[in-house]
């Protein structure tokens, strides 16, 4: 591994560790103080599901490829390997609301890890998953179980006073900005998403006559901030260049606007899934187009050989 690769890996794990710490602290505070309405069973079983699925998938892949599983070794390797599963499990356990039922949460967690293991695109010669795992797991659960919803926005600040209701979002904004600026490099995407959200709210207000404040109201919620700084900005499933990041964020905002116009609930999660899926499909089509000339060359050479033989025979 080169020095550049080590630097990239260091930034990746640095970001993952801080994301994991932040979401762990938020869950602990949420269930003990803030007012989360799920039981402790939801996040704990979501974690058990993501951990077990991640370990099983890696073990099977290592067995098939006759290599050593990446989670074996010292305890630091095991922890670093499980960081994405940890973040995914807690995100699903925190954002998905299924009342006193735990199976939908576990199902969403399993779908999230399965999508990461099976839905890939080839980028720069490497296979990568293109759907945000936690967002996709939540999306599938919302589609299959109509009685499952997203956690109500008020439960993040239910037990806080007026000052606390302002301090918590401020802390999330500051920590999310610092983490994304230093480790993920996704501030252009966040800026594009926020700009697109404000623009689509203004356009809908002009077109429908609805109050602009109402269209912008989701921005004031903690759930929106978590989606902005910790989900839509996922570095593993979003573009790398600043210009493409901005376009990705604008596209998510545009898809959200269309879904709201069609009165589709939980549009944030569906919009991100749709844009990420279109991006993955576009990469696959572009790859096939690039391979097409290489596929045609042998046929052309064969045709030339046949033509040469025909000329000699005549």
Protein backbone atom coordinates (compact mmCIF):
# COMPACT_ATOMS: atom_id res chain seq x y z
CA UNK A 1 0.00 0.00 0.00
CA UNK A 2 1.41 3.39 -1.00
CA UNK A 3 1.78 6.42 1.25
CA UNK A 4 -1.20 8.04 -0.53
CA UNK A 5 -3.33 4.93 0.07
CA UNK A 6 -2.34 4.94 3.74
CA UNK A 7 -3.32 8.62 3.99
CA UNK A 8 -6.72 7.95 2.38
CA UNK A 9 -7.33 4.97 4.65
CA UNK A 10 -6.32 7.05 7.65
CA UNK A 11 -8.84 9.75 6.74
CA UNK A 12 -11.52 7.12 6.11
CA UNK A 13 -11.10 5.42 9.47
CA UNK A 14 -10.69 8.76 11.21
CA UNK A 15 -14.04 9.86 9.86
CA UNK A 16 -15.70 6.53 10.63
CA UNK A 17 -14.47 6.59 14.22
CA UNK A 18 -15.81 10.09 14.80
CA UNK A 19 -19.12 9.31 13.10
CA UNK A 20 -19.42 6.20 15.27
CA UNK A 21 -18.66 8.10 18.47
CA UNK A 22 -21.09 10.90 17.60
CA UNK A 23 -24.00 8.60 16.77
CA UNK A 24 -23.31 6.44 19.84
CA UNK A 25 -23.38 9.46 22.15
CA UNK A 26 -26.55 10.73 20.50
CA UNK A 27 -28.29 7.38 20.98
CA UNK A 28 -27.24 7.12 24.62
CA UNK A 29 -28.42 10.66 25.33
CA UNK A 30 -31.57 10.07 23.32
CA UNK A 31 -32.67 7.03 25.29
CA UNK A 32 -31.71 8.44 28.68
CA UNK A 33 -32.49 12.14 28.40
CA UNK A 34 -33.61 13.60 25.06
CA UNK A 35 -36.84 11.65 24.74
CA UNK A 36 -36.37 8.86 22.16
CA UNK A 37 -39.61 6.90 22.01
CA UNK A 38 -38.19 3.59 20.80
CA UNK A 39 -37.25 0.97 23.36
CA UNK A 40 -33.64 -0.01 24.01
CA UNK A 41 -34.39 -3.20 22.08
CA UNK A 42 -34.51 -1.38 18.73
CA UNK A 43 -30.92 -0.07 18.61
CA UNK A 44 -29.47 -3.11 20.37
CA UNK A 45 -31.11 -5.60 18.02
CA UNK A 46 -30.28 -3.43 15.02
CA UNK A 47 -26.62 -3.54 16.10
CA UNK A 48 -26.75 -7.30 16.64
CA UNK A 49 -28.17 -7.70 13.12
CA UNK A 50 -25.66 -5.45 11.36
CA UNK A 51 -22.70 -6.94 13.26
CA UNK A 52 -23.69 -10.54 12.56
CA UNK A 53 -24.54 -9.90 8.89
CA UNK A 54 -21.30 -7.97 8.29
CA UNK A 55 -19.19 -10.70 9.90
CA UNK A 56 -21.02 -13.48 8.04
CA UNK A 57 -20.70 -11.77 4.66
CA UNK A 58 -16.97 -11.14 5.19
CA UNK A 59 -16.39 -14.70 6.37
CA UNK A 60 -18.17 -16.13 3.30
CA UNK A 61 -16.31 -13.80 0.92
CA UNK A 62 -12.97 -14.68 2.53
CA UNK A 63 -13.76 -18.39 2.34
CA UNK A 64 -14.70 -18.12 -1.35
CA UNK A 65 -11.58 -16.08 -2.13
CA UNK A 66 -9.28 -18.27 0.02
CA UNK A 67 -8.06 -15.32 2.05
CA UNK A 68 -7.97 -14.28 5.70
CA UNK A 69 -11.10 -12.44 6.94
CA UNK A 70 -10.43 -8.77 7.50
CA UNK A 71 -11.90 -8.81 11.00
CA UNK A 72 -9.29 -11.26 12.31
CA UNK A 73 -6.19 -9.96 14.03
CA UNK A 74 -5.86 -7.60 16.96
CA UNK A 75 -8.88 -5.95 18.54
CA UNK A 76 -8.29 -2.68 16.65
CA UNK A 77 -8.82 -4.44 13.31
CA UNK A 78 -12.07 -5.94 14.53
CA UNK A 79 -13.35 -2.59 15.78
CA UNK A 80 -12.37 -0.75 12.59
CA UNK A 81 -14.00 -3.46 10.49
CA UNK A 82 -17.28 -3.14 12.40
CA UNK A 83 -17.42 0.67 12.38
CA UNK A 84 -19.65 0.92 9.24
CA UNK A 85 -22.00 -1.74 10.63
CA UNK A 86 -22.10 0.12 13.95
CA UNK A 87 -23.07 3.40 12.29
CA UNK A 88 -25.66 1.69 10.08
CA UNK A 89 -27.30 -0.18 12.95
CA UNK A 90 -27.59 2.85 15.21
CA UNK A 91 -28.85 5.07 12.40
CA UNK A 92 -31.63 2.62 11.57
CA UNK A 93 -32.49 2.02 15.22
CA UNK A 94 -32.67 5.76 15.82
CA UNK A 95 -34.54 6.94 12.70
CA UNK A 96 -36.98 4.10 12.00
CA UNK A 97 -40.09 3.95 14.19
CA UNK A 98 -42.08 0.73 14.36
CA UNK A 99 -43.76 1.08 17.74
CA UNK A 100 -43.11 -1.88 19.99
CA UNK A 101 -42.19 -4.19 17.09
CA UNK A 102 -38.51 -4.96 16.55
CA UNK A 103 -38.62 -7.19 13.45
CA UNK A 104 -38.99 -4.27 10.97
CA UNK A 105 -35.89 -2.65 12.49
CA UNK A 106 -33.94 -5.88 12.25
CA UNK A 107 -35.18 -6.41 8.69
CA UNK A 108 -34.04 -2.93 7.66
CA UNK A 109 -30.63 -3.55 9.24
CA UNK A 110 -30.23 -6.85 7.36
CA UNK A 111 -31.28 -5.25 4.06
CA UNK A 112 -28.75 -2.47 4.62
CA UNK A 113 -25.82 -4.88 4.97
CA UNK A 114 -27.11 -7.08 2.12
CA UNK A 115 -27.24 -4.09 -0.24
CA UNK A 116 -23.67 -3.20 0.65
CA UNK A 117 -22.54 -6.75 -0.12
CA UNK A 118 -24.47 -7.33 -3.35
CA UNK A 119 -25.27 -4.05 -5.14
CA UNK A 120 -22.01 -2.85 -6.68
CA UNK A 121 -20.67 -0.70 -9.48
CA UNK A 122 -17.15 -0.72 -10.89
CA UNK A 123 -15.28 2.54 -10.37
CA UNK A 124 -11.60 2.96 -11.20
CA UNK A 125 -11.24 -0.80 -11.49
CA UNK A 126 -12.75 -1.50 -8.07
CA UNK A 127 -16.18 -2.72 -7.03
CA UNK A 128 -18.00 -0.31 -4.73
CA UNK A 129 -21.49 -0.20 -3.26
CA UNK A 130 -23.45 2.80 -4.48
CA UNK A 131 -26.46 2.89 -2.15
CA UNK A 132 -26.21 4.35 1.33
CA UNK A 133 -26.84 1.18 3.39
CA UNK A 134 -28.83 2.68 6.27
CA UNK A 135 -30.88 4.90 3.95
CA UNK A 136 -31.65 1.98 1.64
CA UNK A 137 -32.63 -0.29 4.54
CA UNK A 138 -34.99 2.40 5.85
CA UNK A 139 -36.41 2.95 2.36
CA UNK A 140 -37.20 -0.75 1.84
CA UNK A 141 -38.79 -1.04 5.29
CA UNK A 142 -40.99 2.02 4.62
CA UNK A 143 -42.11 0.57 1.28
CA UNK A 144 -42.86 -2.94 2.56
CA UNK A 145 -44.44 -2.02 5.90
CA UNK A 146 -46.93 0.85 5.53
CA UNK A 147 -47.46 1.01 9.29
CA UNK A 148 -43.75 1.74 9.88
CA UNK A 149 -42.65 5.37 9.89
CA UNK A 150 -39.81 7.69 10.71
CA UNK A 151 -39.15 8.80 14.27
CA UNK A 152 -41.14 11.95 15.07
CA UNK A 153 -38.93 15.07 14.95
CA UNK A 154 -39.93 16.23 18.44
CA UNK A 155 -38.47 13.19 20.21
CA UNK A 156 -34.92 14.51 19.69
CA UNK A 157 -35.65 17.54 21.86
CA UNK A 158 -38.76 16.47 23.77
CA UNK A 159 -37.17 16.81 27.21
CA UNK A 160 -35.09 19.90 26.46
CA UNK A 161 -36.06 23.44 27.28
CA UNK A 162 -35.95 26.35 24.86
CA UNK A 163 -32.20 26.80 25.24
CA UNK A 164 -31.50 23.09 24.83
CA UNK A 165 -33.64 22.96 21.69
CA UNK A 166 -31.27 25.52 20.16
CA UNK A 167 -28.01 24.15 21.56
CA UNK A 168 -28.44 20.56 20.31
CA UNK A 169 -28.98 21.50 16.62
CA UNK A 170 -26.07 23.95 16.87
CA UNK A 171 -23.80 21.21 18.21
CA UNK A 172 -24.88 18.84 15.42
CA UNK A 173 -24.17 21.49 12.79
CA UNK A 174 -20.73 22.29 14.20
CA UNK A 175 -19.65 18.68 14.69
CA UNK A 176 -21.07 17.59 11.33
CA UNK A 177 -19.33 20.43 9.52
CA UNK A 178 -15.98 19.71 11.17
CA UNK A 179 -16.13 15.98 10.47
CA UNK A 180 -17.15 16.43 6.84
CA UNK A 181 -14.58 19.19 6.27
CA UNK A 182 -11.66 17.27 7.75
CA UNK A 183 -12.38 13.64 6.92
CA UNK A 184 -14.99 13.16 4.18
CA UNK A 185 -14.50 16.26 2.01
CA UNK A 186 -18.23 16.42 1.38
CA UNK A 187 -18.92 20.07 2.18
CA UNK A 188 -19.65 20.88 -1.52
CA UNK A 189 -22.30 18.15 -1.50
CA UNK A 190 -23.84 19.49 1.71
CA UNK A 191 -23.83 23.01 0.30
CA UNK A 192 -25.43 21.80 -2.94
CA UNK A 193 -28.09 19.89 -1.00
CA UNK A 194 -28.92 22.81 1.27
CA UNK A 195 -28.98 25.27 -1.63
CA UNK A 196 -31.18 22.95 -3.65
CA UNK A 197 -33.55 22.45 -0.72
CA UNK A 198 -33.99 26.20 -0.25
CA UNK A 199 -34.49 26.73 -4.00
CA UNK A 200 -37.08 23.97 -4.33
CA UNK A 201 -38.94 25.36 -1.31
CA UNK A 202 -39.03 28.81 -2.90
CA UNK A 203 -40.20 27.41 -6.26
CA UNK A 204 -42.95 25.35 -4.63
CA UNK A 205 -44.04 28.38 -2.64
CA UNK A 206 -44.34 30.49 -5.80
CA UNK A 207 -46.07 27.75 -7.80
CA UNK A 208 -48.57 26.64 -5.16
CA UNK A 209 -48.95 29.76 -3.04
CA UNK A 210 -47.95 27.83 0.07
CA UNK A 211 -46.10 29.81 2.77
CA UNK A 212 -42.34 29.72 2.27
CA UNK A 213 -41.83 29.23 6.00
CA UNK A 214 -43.81 25.99 5.83
CA UNK A 215 -41.74 24.67 2.92
CA UNK A 216 -38.54 25.49 4.78
CA UNK A 217 -39.75 24.13 8.12
CA UNK A 218 -37.98 20.71 7.84
CA UNK A 219 -34.62 22.51 8.05
CA UNK A 220 -35.36 23.36 11.68
CA UNK A 221 -35.64 19.70 12.71
CA UNK A 222 -32.84 17.59 14.19
CA UNK A 223 -33.74 14.71 11.86
CA UNK A 224 -33.04 16.96 8.86
CA UNK A 225 -29.63 17.88 10.27
CA UNK A 226 -28.77 14.22 10.86
CA UNK A 227 -29.79 13.42 7.29
CA UNK A 228 -27.71 16.34 5.98
CA UNK A 229 -24.47 15.83 7.90
CA UNK A 230 -24.48 12.07 8.48
CA UNK A 231 -26.46 10.39 5.66
CA UNK A 232 -26.60 12.29 2.37
CA UNK A 233 -22.88 13.08 2.79
CA UNK A 234 -21.79 9.42 2.99
CA UNK A 235 -18.35 9.46 1.28
CA UNK A 236 -18.55 5.81 0.14
CA UNK A 237 -21.69 6.32 -1.97
CA UNK A 238 -21.33 9.88 -3.28
CA UNK A 239 -19.11 11.51 -5.96
CA UNK A 240 -15.56 12.61 -5.23
CA UNK A 241 -15.11 15.81 -7.24
CA UNK A 242 -16.58 19.03 -5.85
CA UNK A 243 -18.65 19.78 -8.97
CA UNK A 244 -20.23 16.32 -9.04
CA UNK A 245 -20.87 16.50 -5.31
CA UNK A 246 -22.79 19.74 -5.80
CA UNK A 247 -24.81 18.21 -8.64
CA UNK A 248 -25.57 15.16 -6.50
CA UNK A 249 -26.87 17.36 -3.68
CA UNK A 250 -28.96 19.43 -6.08
CA UNK A 251 -30.37 16.24 -7.63
CA UNK A 252 -31.46 14.92 -4.22
CA UNK A 253 -33.20 18.23 -3.52
CA UNK A 254 -34.91 18.11 -6.92
CA UNK A 255 -36.10 14.55 -6.39
CA UNK A 256 -37.39 15.49 -2.96
CA UNK A 257 -39.36 18.40 -4.45
CA UNK A 258 -41.04 16.10 -6.98
CA UNK A 259 -41.94 13.57 -4.28
CA UNK A 260 -43.41 16.31 -2.08
CA UNK A 261 -45.44 17.56 -5.05
CA UNK A 262 -46.79 14.01 -5.44
CA UNK A 263 -47.60 13.93 -1.69
CA UNK A 264 -45.12 11.12 -1.00
CA UNK A 265 -44.26 10.91 2.69
CA UNK A 266 -40.69 10.48 3.94
CA UNK A 267 -39.40 12.07 0.74
CA UNK A 268 -35.86 12.67 2.07
CA UNK A 269 -35.04 8.97 2.23
CA UNK A 270 -36.74 8.06 -1.04
CA UNK A 271 -35.05 10.95 -2.86
CA UNK A 272 -31.58 9.87 -1.77
CA UNK A 273 -32.24 6.27 -2.78
CA UNK A 274 -33.53 7.31 -6.21
CA UNK A 275 -30.61 9.62 -6.99
CA UNK A 276 -28.03 7.10 -5.77
CA UNK A 277 -29.69 4.35 -7.84
CA UNK A 278 -29.71 6.53 -10.98
CA UNK A 279 -26.05 7.37 -10.39
CA UNK A 280 -25.18 3.68 -10.07
CA UNK A 281 -27.14 2.81 -13.22
CA UNK A 282 -25.43 5.63 -15.13
CA UNK A 283 -22.01 4.31 -14.12
CA UNK A 284 -22.92 0.82 -15.28
CA UNK A 285 -24.22 2.04 -18.64
CA UNK A 286 -21.14 4.21 -19.13
CA UNK A 287 -18.94 1.20 -18.37
CA UNK A 288 -20.74 -0.93 -20.95
CA UNK A 289 -20.40 1.83 -23.54
CA UNK A 290 -16.65 2.03 -22.89
CA UNK A 291 -16.32 -1.74 -23.25
CA UNK A 292 -18.29 -1.85 -26.50
CA UNK A 293 -15.35 -0.89 -28.84
CA UNK A 294 -13.14 -3.52 -27.21
CA UNK A 295 -15.80 -6.13 -27.79
CA UNK A 296 -16.18 -5.16 -31.44
CA UNK A 297 -12.44 -5.20 -32.23
CA UNK A 298 -12.02 -9.02 -32.35
CA UNK A 299 -15.01 -9.28 -34.66
CA UNK A 300 -13.57 -6.60 -36.95
CA UNK A 301 -10.17 -8.33 -37.04
CA UNK A 302 -11.84 -11.65 -37.86
CA UNK A 303 -13.80 -10.03 -40.66
CA UNK A 304 -10.60 -8.53 -42.06
CA UNK A 305 -8.89 -11.92 -42.00
CA UNK A 306 -11.78 -13.56 -43.81
CA UNK A 307 -11.77 -10.79 -46.39
CA UNK A 308 -8.00 -11.20 -46.94
CA UNK A 309 -8.36 -14.96 -47.43
CA UNK A 310 -11.19 -14.41 -49.87
CA UNK A 311 -9.07 -12.01 -51.90
CA UNK A 312 -6.16 -14.49 -52.06
CA UNK A 313 -8.47 -17.30 -53.14
CA UNK A 314 -9.88 -15.20 -55.94
